[in-house]
């Protein structure tokens, strides 16, 4: 799974993003992942892991809120046999295919 830090090197910017903005980026990362199903907590932990330990909890919270937004928008879903196992829905795949990630230097 791609690192969040590649696009957002500053964790303060990750925490400041609106859930839908961060959510679209996470959707893109999930869509590109080789594993079609990912445990929600593993996604949260992985995306926060490259940041300094002092800010990881704040990044984890922001990622978890963004995942909640993605679920509300039906862009990710939970598998019926494990509600913690996320997958990108067909609608999510369509949205992820059209996503243009920001270049790190353009992230304000």
C-alpha atoms as a PDB file:
ATOM      1  CA  UNK A   1       0.000   0.000   0.000  1.00  0.00           C
ATOM      2  CA  UNK A   2       1.318   3.416  -0.957  1.00  0.00           C
ATOM      3  CA  UNK A   3       2.442   5.733   1.850  1.00  0.00           C
ATOM      4  CA  UNK A   4       0.335   8.755   2.734  1.00  0.00           C
ATOM      5  CA  UNK A   5       3.521  10.626   3.585  1.00  0.00           C
ATOM      6  CA  UNK A   6       4.564  10.549  -0.092  1.00  0.00           C
ATOM      7  CA  UNK A   7       1.779  13.005  -0.914  1.00  0.00           C
ATOM      8  CA  UNK A   8       1.466  14.742   2.436  1.00  0.00           C
ATOM      9  CA  UNK A   9       4.903  14.960   4.067  1.00  0.00           C
ATOM     10  CA  UNK A  10       3.664  17.373   6.762  1.00  0.00           C
ATOM     11  CA  UNK A  11       1.391  15.562   9.234  1.00  0.00           C
ATOM     12  CA  UNK A  12      -0.183  18.874  10.287  1.00  0.00           C
ATOM     13  CA  UNK A  13      -1.589  19.191   6.768  1.00  0.00           C
ATOM     14  CA  UNK A  14      -3.030  15.673   6.948  1.00  0.00           C
ATOM     15  CA  UNK A  15      -4.786  16.496  10.205  1.00  0.00           C
ATOM     16  CA  UNK A  16      -6.077  19.805   8.809  1.00  0.00           C
ATOM     17  CA  UNK A  17      -7.613  18.251   5.669  1.00  0.00           C
ATOM     18  CA  UNK A  18     -11.363  17.926   5.408  1.00  0.00           C
ATOM     19  CA  UNK A  19     -12.491  14.278   5.631  1.00  0.00           C
ATOM     20  CA  UNK A  20     -13.663  14.281   2.016  1.00  0.00           C
ATOM     21  CA  UNK A  21     -10.311  15.575   0.728  1.00  0.00           C
ATOM     22  CA  UNK A  22      -8.301  13.085   2.739  1.00  0.00           C
ATOM     23  CA  UNK A  23     -10.897  10.429   1.975  1.00  0.00           C
ATOM     24  CA  UNK A  24     -10.490  10.787  -1.774  1.00  0.00           C
ATOM     25  CA  UNK A  25      -6.745  10.418  -1.405  1.00  0.00           C
ATOM     26  CA  UNK A  26      -7.134   7.335   0.798  1.00  0.00           C
ATOM     27  CA  UNK A  27      -9.615   5.896  -1.693  1.00  0.00           C
ATOM     28  CA  UNK A  28      -6.972   6.289  -4.389  1.00  0.00           C
ATOM     29  CA  UNK A  29      -4.400   4.511  -2.194  1.00  0.00           C
ATOM     30  CA  UNK A  30      -6.811   1.668  -1.421  1.00  0.00           C
ATOM     31  CA  UNK A  31      -7.740   1.295  -5.075  1.00  0.00           C
ATOM     32  CA  UNK A  32      -4.073   0.976  -6.062  1.00  0.00           C
ATOM     33  CA  UNK A  33      -3.328  -1.549  -3.293  1.00  0.00           C
ATOM     34  CA  UNK A  34      -2.654  -5.086  -4.443  1.00  0.00           C
ATOM     35  CA  UNK A  35      -4.801  -6.469  -1.608  1.00  0.00           C
ATOM     36  CA  UNK A  36      -8.510  -5.920  -2.414  1.00  0.00           C
ATOM     37  CA  UNK A  37      -9.620  -6.243   1.226  1.00  0.00           C
ATOM     38  CA  UNK A  38      -7.906  -4.438   4.091  1.00  0.00           C
ATOM     39  CA  UNK A  39      -8.630  -4.365   7.791  1.00  0.00           C
ATOM     40  CA  UNK A  40      -9.718  -0.854   8.753  1.00  0.00           C
ATOM     41  CA  UNK A  41      -7.283  -0.673  11.671  1.00  0.00           C
ATOM     42  CA  UNK A  42      -4.429  -1.906   9.469  1.00  0.00           C
ATOM     43  CA  UNK A  43      -5.160   0.867   6.956  1.00  0.00           C
ATOM     44  CA  UNK A  44      -5.205   3.481   9.730  1.00  0.00           C
ATOM     45  CA  UNK A  45      -1.994   2.157  11.284  1.00  0.00           C
ATOM     46  CA  UNK A  46      -0.170   1.841   7.961  1.00  0.00           C
ATOM     47  CA  UNK A  47      -1.032   5.325   6.722  1.00  0.00           C
ATOM     48  CA  UNK A  48       0.102   6.899  10.009  1.00  0.00           C
ATOM     49  CA  UNK A  49       3.213   4.745  10.469  1.00  0.00           C
ATOM     50  CA  UNK A  50       5.619   6.888   8.442  1.00  0.00           C
ATOM     51  CA  UNK A  51       5.039   9.945  10.589  1.00  0.00           C
ATOM     52  CA  UNK A  52       6.834  10.784  13.831  1.00  0.00           C
ATOM     53  CA  UNK A  53       5.344   8.891  16.800  1.00  0.00           C
ATOM     54  CA  UNK A  54       4.350  12.178  18.467  1.00  0.00           C
ATOM     55  CA  UNK A  55       1.813  12.906  15.701  1.00  0.00           C
ATOM     56  CA  UNK A  56       0.734   9.403  14.702  1.00  0.00           C
ATOM     57  CA  UNK A  57      -2.343   9.418  16.934  1.00  0.00           C
ATOM     58  CA  UNK A  58      -3.638  12.633  15.326  1.00  0.00           C
ATOM     59  CA  UNK A  59      -2.987  11.246  11.830  1.00  0.00           C
ATOM     60  CA  UNK A  60      -4.719   7.982  12.764  1.00  0.00           C
ATOM     61  CA  UNK A  61      -7.759   9.914  13.920  1.00  0.00           C
ATOM     62  CA  UNK A  62      -7.879  11.939  10.691  1.00  0.00           C
ATOM     63  CA  UNK A  63      -7.546   8.777   8.571  1.00  0.00           C
ATOM     64  CA  UNK A  64     -10.247   6.997  10.560  1.00  0.00           C
ATOM     65  CA  UNK A  65     -12.648   9.931  10.140  1.00  0.00           C
ATOM     66  CA  UNK A  66     -11.891   9.990   6.403  1.00  0.00           C
ATOM     67  CA  UNK A  67     -12.596   6.241   6.185  1.00  0.00           C
ATOM     68  CA  UNK A  68     -15.910   6.875   7.921  1.00  0.00           C
ATOM     69  CA  UNK A  69     -16.742   9.523   5.330  1.00  0.00           C
ATOM     70  CA  UNK A  70     -15.838   7.088   2.533  1.00  0.00           C
ATOM     71  CA  UNK A  71     -18.166   4.485   4.049  1.00  0.00           C
ATOM     72  CA  UNK A  72     -21.009   7.023   4.375  1.00  0.00           C
ATOM     73  CA  UNK A  73     -20.557   7.890   0.694  1.00  0.00           C
ATOM     74  CA  UNK A  74     -20.607   4.154  -0.149  1.00  0.00           C
ATOM     75  CA  UNK A  75     -17.173   4.426  -1.764  1.00  0.00           C
ATOM     76  CA  UNK A  76     -15.836   1.722   0.546  1.00  0.00           C
ATOM     77  CA  UNK A  77     -17.797  -1.070   2.117  1.00  0.00           C
ATOM     78  CA  UNK A  78     -17.355  -3.737   4.750  1.00  0.00           C
ATOM     79  CA  UNK A  79     -17.366  -7.368   3.740  1.00  0.00           C
ATOM     80  CA  UNK A  80     -20.343  -9.367   5.037  1.00  0.00           C
ATOM     81  CA  UNK A  81     -18.140 -11.929   6.765  1.00  0.00           C
ATOM     82  CA  UNK A  82     -15.932  -9.374   8.563  1.00  0.00           C
ATOM     83  CA  UNK A  83     -17.227  -5.837   9.150  1.00  0.00           C
ATOM     84  CA  UNK A  84     -13.699  -4.586   9.809  1.00  0.00           C
ATOM     85  CA  UNK A  85     -12.540  -5.729   6.374  1.00  0.00           C
ATOM     86  CA  UNK A  86     -12.878  -2.891   3.854  1.00  0.00           C
ATOM     87  CA  UNK A  87     -13.122  -3.057   0.100  1.00  0.00           C
ATOM     88  CA  UNK A  88     -13.482  -0.383  -2.571  1.00  0.00           C
ATOM     89  CA  UNK A  89     -17.003  -0.479  -4.030  1.00  0.00           C
ATOM     90  CA  UNK A  90     -17.701  -0.237  -7.753  1.00  0.00           C
ATOM     91  CA  UNK A  91     -18.685   3.405  -7.259  1.00  0.00           C
ATOM     92  CA  UNK A  92     -15.468   3.913  -5.302  1.00  0.00           C
ATOM     93  CA  UNK A  93     -13.426   2.341  -8.094  1.00  0.00           C
ATOM     94  CA  UNK A  94     -14.989   4.720 -10.621  1.00  0.00           C
ATOM     95  CA  UNK A  95     -14.226   7.697  -8.384  1.00  0.00           C
ATOM     96  CA  UNK A  96     -10.674   6.466  -7.719  1.00  0.00           C
ATOM     97  CA  UNK A  97     -10.008   5.967 -11.429  1.00  0.00           C
ATOM     98  CA  UNK A  98     -10.710   9.658 -12.057  1.00  0.00           C
ATOM     99  CA  UNK A  99      -8.718  10.914  -9.068  1.00  0.00           C
ATOM    100  CA  UNK A 100      -5.721  13.128  -9.730  1.00  0.00           C
ATOM    101  CA  UNK A 101      -3.495  13.122  -6.639  1.00  0.00           C
ATOM    102  CA  UNK A 102      -1.906  16.410  -5.759  1.00  0.00           C
ATOM    103  CA  UNK A 103       1.809  16.726  -6.201  1.00  0.00           C
ATOM    104  CA  UNK A 104       3.449  17.199  -2.764  1.00  0.00           C
ATOM    105  CA  UNK A 105       4.839  20.580  -3.763  1.00  0.00           C
ATOM    106  CA  UNK A 106       1.348  21.810  -4.662  1.00  0.00           C
ATOM    107  CA  UNK A 107      -0.226  20.795  -1.353  1.00  0.00           C
ATOM    108  CA  UNK A 108      -0.886  23.977   0.519  1.00  0.00           C
END
